[in-house]
Amino acid sequence: MRKAVVLLLVLLAGCSGAPPPPAFPDARALADAATAATTSAGSAKFGTDVAVGSVRSKGQGQARFGAGGTAQVMTTDFLGDPLELRQVAGKLYAKVPEGSRDEVGTGKPWVAVSPDGNDPFSQVLGGSLTQLAAQNDPAHTLGEIRTAGTIVSSERTELSGVAAEHYRVELDLARLGGDLPAGLPPESTGKFPVELWLDDTHRPLQVVLDLSPILQGAEARITTRYSEWGGPVDVQAPPPGEVG
């Protein structure tokens, strides 16, 4: 009789609808599963909010994910006015505001941007724009979590009405080496929190980096939201004749 009661309780618990506990025991397993789900989905739309001190900026775009890396198109008000960025085949392009094309020196609407470029646009903004593009790529943050993350807590929850797993992760800069997030200076040390929400197939719904502990009390948060996973996207490099 006692065994029958125990079995009945087990069966009732299995049918109660209670969600199972979050799936990943450590940061490496979490990052590996989310990276695989991102690549499998193939594409997504995204929106970003950056708050650093008194500076606020927003961006939105679409991205294509695959084994060859991430390609994306986004528009951001990072410089105050709308700026279009495209990242395709490992190259980052910025659409130069019409009034600034003579200053850049090419007279063409697009310029290839890199942190170590010799053109005026890259020398002033190359590092910042490269980091901005990297923060939109979930593979970048997931790589940091894999390398230097420790899961602090996890829970089943909802985000904007969607069932989600919510992970709080602590990132240790000492374990990241020179690949620091969001343009932090090389001498940065310490730890900071990252929050990650995944849907029921482990695709990222939202990622929040809180760099305030590293910047000694100054507010510094980067929030990226993902939606429309697997939907159609249009991501192409600028026409070669329009790139200076």
Protein backbone atom coordinates (compact mmCIF):
# COMPACT_ATOMS: atom_id res chain seq x y z
CA MET A 1 0.00 0.00 0.00
CA ARG A 2 2.79 2.39 0.94
CA LYS A 3 4.57 1.78 -2.41
CA ALA A 4 1.32 2.47 -4.24
CA VAL A 5 0.91 5.83 -2.44
CA VAL A 6 4.49 6.84 -3.26
CA LEU A 7 4.01 5.88 -6.92
CA LEU A 8 0.77 7.88 -7.05
CA LEU A 9 2.50 10.96 -5.64
CA VAL A 10 5.29 10.67 -8.20
CA LEU A 11 2.77 10.38 -11.04
CA LEU A 12 0.79 13.35 -9.77
CA ALA A 13 3.96 15.45 -9.52
CA GLY A 14 4.83 14.56 -13.10
CA CYS A 15 1.39 15.65 -14.28
CA SER A 16 1.13 18.80 -12.17
CA GLY A 17 2.49 21.08 -14.87
CA ALA A 18 5.33 22.27 -12.65
CA PRO A 19 8.23 23.36 -14.90
CA PRO A 20 11.48 21.42 -14.71
CA PRO A 21 14.49 23.16 -13.23
CA PRO A 22 16.77 25.14 -15.57
CA ALA A 23 18.80 22.87 -17.79
CA PHE A 24 22.44 23.92 -17.47
CA PRO A 25 24.75 23.14 -14.56
CA ASP A 26 27.54 25.55 -15.49
CA ALA A 27 28.41 28.50 -17.71
CA ARG A 28 30.17 26.43 -20.37
CA ALA A 29 27.14 24.18 -20.91
CA LEU A 30 24.86 27.22 -20.96
CA ALA A 31 26.98 29.03 -23.56
CA ASP A 32 27.42 25.95 -25.75
CA ALA A 33 23.69 25.22 -25.89
CA ALA A 34 22.71 28.84 -26.58
CA THR A 35 25.37 29.15 -29.29
CA ALA A 36 24.14 25.98 -31.00
CA ALA A 37 20.53 27.21 -30.84
CA THR A 38 21.53 30.59 -32.28
CA THR A 39 23.34 28.99 -35.21
CA SER A 40 20.49 26.54 -35.83
CA ALA A 41 17.89 29.34 -35.91
CA GLY A 42 19.93 31.18 -38.53
CA SER A 43 18.53 34.70 -38.15
CA ALA A 44 16.84 37.18 -35.82
CA LYS A 45 15.83 40.81 -35.37
CA PHE A 46 17.36 42.75 -32.49
CA GLY A 47 17.17 46.01 -30.56
CA THR A 48 19.78 47.55 -28.29
CA ASP A 49 19.77 50.10 -25.48
CA VAL A 50 23.08 51.52 -24.24
CA ALA A 51 23.27 53.63 -21.09
CA VAL A 52 26.72 54.84 -20.04
CA GLY A 53 26.66 57.74 -17.59
CA SER A 54 24.57 60.47 -19.20
CA VAL A 55 24.93 58.97 -22.68
CA ARG A 56 21.94 57.07 -24.04
CA SER A 57 21.64 55.42 -27.42
CA LYS A 58 19.33 52.96 -29.13
CA GLY A 59 19.73 50.72 -32.11
CA GLN A 60 17.80 48.16 -34.10
CA GLY A 61 18.65 45.72 -36.82
CA GLN A 62 18.63 42.22 -38.19
CA ALA A 63 21.27 39.51 -38.26
CA ARG A 64 22.14 36.24 -39.94
CA PHE A 65 23.99 33.59 -37.92
CA GLY A 66 26.00 30.63 -39.14
CA ALA A 67 29.20 28.65 -38.91
CA GLY A 68 30.96 31.37 -40.93
CA GLY A 69 30.15 34.04 -38.35
CA THR A 70 27.53 36.72 -37.90
CA ALA A 71 26.37 39.18 -40.56
CA GLN A 72 24.20 42.11 -39.52
CA VAL A 73 22.63 45.39 -40.54
CA MET A 74 21.72 47.97 -37.92
CA THR A 75 20.80 51.60 -37.44
CA THR A 76 21.92 53.38 -34.27
CA ASP A 77 21.87 56.89 -32.84
CA PHE A 78 25.26 56.25 -31.22
CA LEU A 79 26.62 59.54 -32.65
CA GLY A 80 23.45 61.50 -32.04
CA ASP A 81 22.16 61.18 -35.61
CA PRO A 82 21.06 57.92 -37.27
CA LEU A 83 24.04 55.85 -38.44
CA GLU A 84 23.79 52.67 -40.49
CA LEU A 85 26.28 49.85 -39.96
CA ARG A 86 26.68 46.65 -41.94
CA GLN A 87 28.86 43.73 -40.95
CA VAL A 88 29.32 41.09 -43.65
CA ALA A 89 32.04 38.45 -44.16
CA GLY A 90 34.03 39.77 -41.23
CA LYS A 91 34.11 43.37 -42.48
CA LEU A 92 32.34 46.31 -40.84
CA TYR A 93 31.00 49.19 -42.96
CA ALA A 94 29.58 52.54 -41.82
CA LYS A 95 27.45 54.87 -43.89
CA VAL A 96 29.10 58.26 -43.68
CA PRO A 97 26.71 61.20 -43.10
CA GLU A 98 26.49 63.19 -46.29
CA GLY A 99 27.91 66.34 -44.73
CA SER A 100 31.00 64.49 -43.48
CA ARG A 101 32.06 62.66 -46.66
CA ASP A 102 34.56 65.31 -47.71
CA GLU A 103 36.17 65.12 -44.24
CA VAL A 104 36.56 61.36 -44.56
CA GLY A 105 38.29 61.99 -47.87
CA THR A 106 36.56 59.53 -50.18
CA GLY A 107 33.40 61.34 -51.14
CA LYS A 108 31.64 57.96 -51.15
CA PRO A 109 28.68 57.02 -48.95
CA TRP A 110 30.31 54.03 -47.22
CA VAL A 111 33.63 53.42 -45.49
CA ALA A 112 35.16 50.18 -44.24
CA VAL A 113 35.79 50.56 -40.50
CA SER A 114 38.38 48.78 -38.37
CA PRO A 115 39.96 49.51 -34.96
CA ASP A 116 43.42 49.86 -36.53
CA GLY A 117 42.39 51.56 -39.80
CA ASN A 118 44.30 54.56 -41.12
CA ASP A 119 41.33 56.47 -42.50
CA PRO A 120 39.96 59.37 -40.39
CA PHE A 121 36.67 57.60 -39.67
CA SER A 122 38.38 54.48 -38.30
CA GLN A 123 40.91 56.48 -36.31
CA VAL A 124 38.16 58.33 -34.46
CA LEU A 125 35.39 55.71 -34.24
CA GLY A 126 36.80 52.37 -35.39
CA GLY A 127 37.16 50.84 -31.94
CA SER A 128 33.81 52.08 -30.65
CA LEU A 129 31.83 50.94 -33.68
CA THR A 130 33.54 47.55 -33.74
CA GLN A 131 32.61 46.99 -30.09
CA LEU A 132 29.06 48.22 -30.75
CA ALA A 133 28.64 45.66 -33.52
CA ALA A 134 30.14 42.90 -31.37
CA GLN A 135 27.63 43.50 -28.58
CA ASN A 136 24.75 42.79 -30.97
CA ASP A 137 26.21 39.37 -31.74
CA PRO A 138 25.05 36.81 -29.16
CA ALA A 139 28.02 34.59 -30.08
CA HIS A 140 30.36 37.28 -28.74
CA THR A 141 28.75 37.50 -25.30
CA LEU A 142 28.22 33.74 -25.14
CA GLY A 143 31.92 33.27 -25.86
CA GLU A 144 32.74 35.53 -22.91
CA ILE A 145 30.36 33.55 -20.70
CA ARG A 146 31.96 30.29 -21.82
CA THR A 147 35.47 31.56 -21.05
CA ALA A 148 35.00 33.58 -17.90
CA GLY A 149 31.49 33.04 -16.56
CA THR A 150 30.11 31.50 -13.38
CA ILE A 151 26.36 30.92 -12.97
CA VAL A 152 25.15 32.70 -9.85
CA SER A 153 21.46 31.78 -10.07
CA SER A 154 18.83 30.49 -12.46
CA GLU A 155 15.06 30.37 -12.57
CA ARG A 156 12.07 29.64 -14.74
CA THR A 157 10.20 32.85 -15.52
CA GLU A 158 8.53 34.83 -18.29
CA LEU A 159 9.83 37.70 -20.40
CA SER A 160 7.19 39.80 -22.15
CA GLY A 161 4.77 36.91 -21.86
CA VAL A 162 7.18 34.31 -23.23
CA ALA A 163 8.33 31.37 -21.08
CA ALA A 164 12.03 31.75 -20.40
CA GLU A 165 15.01 30.52 -18.43
CA HIS A 166 16.68 33.41 -16.65
CA TYR A 167 20.37 33.04 -15.77
CA ARG A 168 22.48 35.42 -13.71
CA VAL A 169 26.15 35.01 -14.56
CA GLU A 170 29.25 36.66 -13.12
CA LEU A 171 32.05 37.44 -15.58
CA ASP A 172 35.65 37.65 -14.37
CA LEU A 173 37.73 40.06 -16.47
CA ALA A 174 40.95 38.37 -15.37
CA ARG A 175 39.85 35.22 -17.24
CA LEU A 176 38.98 37.08 -20.45
CA GLY A 177 42.48 38.24 -21.26
CA GLY A 178 42.54 41.07 -23.79
CA ASP A 179 39.06 40.50 -25.21
CA LEU A 180 37.20 42.88 -22.92
CA PRO A 181 33.54 43.77 -23.53
CA ALA A 182 32.12 47.11 -24.62
CA GLY A 183 35.45 48.85 -25.12
CA LEU A 184 36.69 48.58 -21.54
CA PRO A 185 40.31 49.73 -21.22
CA PRO A 186 42.94 46.95 -21.08
CA GLU A 187 43.79 47.68 -17.45
CA SER A 188 40.22 46.95 -16.29
CA THR A 189 39.90 44.38 -13.50
CA GLY A 190 37.13 42.88 -11.41
CA LYS A 191 33.85 41.10 -12.02
CA PHE A 192 30.49 42.20 -13.34
CA PRO A 193 27.05 40.61 -13.81
CA VAL A 194 25.44 39.43 -17.02
CA GLU A 195 21.79 38.40 -17.21
CA LEU A 196 20.63 36.06 -19.94
CA TRP A 197 17.10 35.01 -20.85
CA LEU A 198 16.64 31.99 -23.15
CA ASP A 199 13.47 30.70 -24.78
CA ASP A 200 12.37 27.07 -24.61
CA THR A 201 14.77 26.12 -27.42
CA HIS A 202 17.68 27.96 -25.73
CA ARG A 203 17.73 30.91 -28.15
CA PRO A 204 18.56 34.25 -26.49
CA LEU A 205 15.62 36.53 -25.81
CA GLN A 206 17.50 39.21 -23.89
CA VAL A 207 21.05 39.86 -22.70
CA VAL A 208 21.96 42.55 -20.16
CA LEU A 209 25.56 43.49 -19.36
CA ASP A 210 25.95 45.65 -16.25
CA LEU A 211 29.43 47.17 -16.32
CA SER A 212 28.74 49.56 -13.44
CA PRO A 213 30.90 47.62 -10.91
CA ILE A 214 33.92 47.93 -13.22
CA LEU A 215 33.39 51.66 -13.78
CA GLN A 216 33.26 52.41 -10.05
CA GLY A 217 29.65 53.40 -9.63
CA ALA A 218 28.95 55.00 -13.00
CA GLU A 219 25.87 53.53 -14.65
CA ALA A 220 26.83 51.39 -17.61
CA ARG A 221 24.29 48.92 -18.95
CA ILE A 222 23.93 47.35 -22.39
CA THR A 223 20.64 45.60 -23.13
CA THR A 224 20.07 43.59 -26.30
CA ARG A 225 16.72 42.01 -27.15
CA TYR A 226 16.18 39.36 -29.84
CA SER A 227 12.97 38.44 -31.64
CA GLU A 228 11.59 36.80 -34.80
CA TRP A 229 14.10 33.96 -34.67
CA GLY A 230 14.38 32.12 -37.98
CA GLY A 231 12.49 34.80 -39.90
CA PRO A 232 13.60 36.38 -43.19
CA VAL A 233 16.36 39.01 -43.03
CA ASP A 234 18.09 41.15 -45.66
CA VAL A 235 21.79 41.50 -44.84
CA GLN A 236 24.15 42.51 -47.63
CA ALA A 237 27.42 44.37 -47.96
CA PRO A 238 27.28 47.82 -49.59
CA PRO A 239 27.92 47.87 -53.36
CA PRO A 240 31.72 47.87 -53.87
CA GLY A 241 31.57 51.06 -55.93
CA GLU A 242 30.04 52.93 -52.99
CA VAL A 243 32.79 52.04 -50.49
CA GLY A 244 35.69 54.45 -50.07
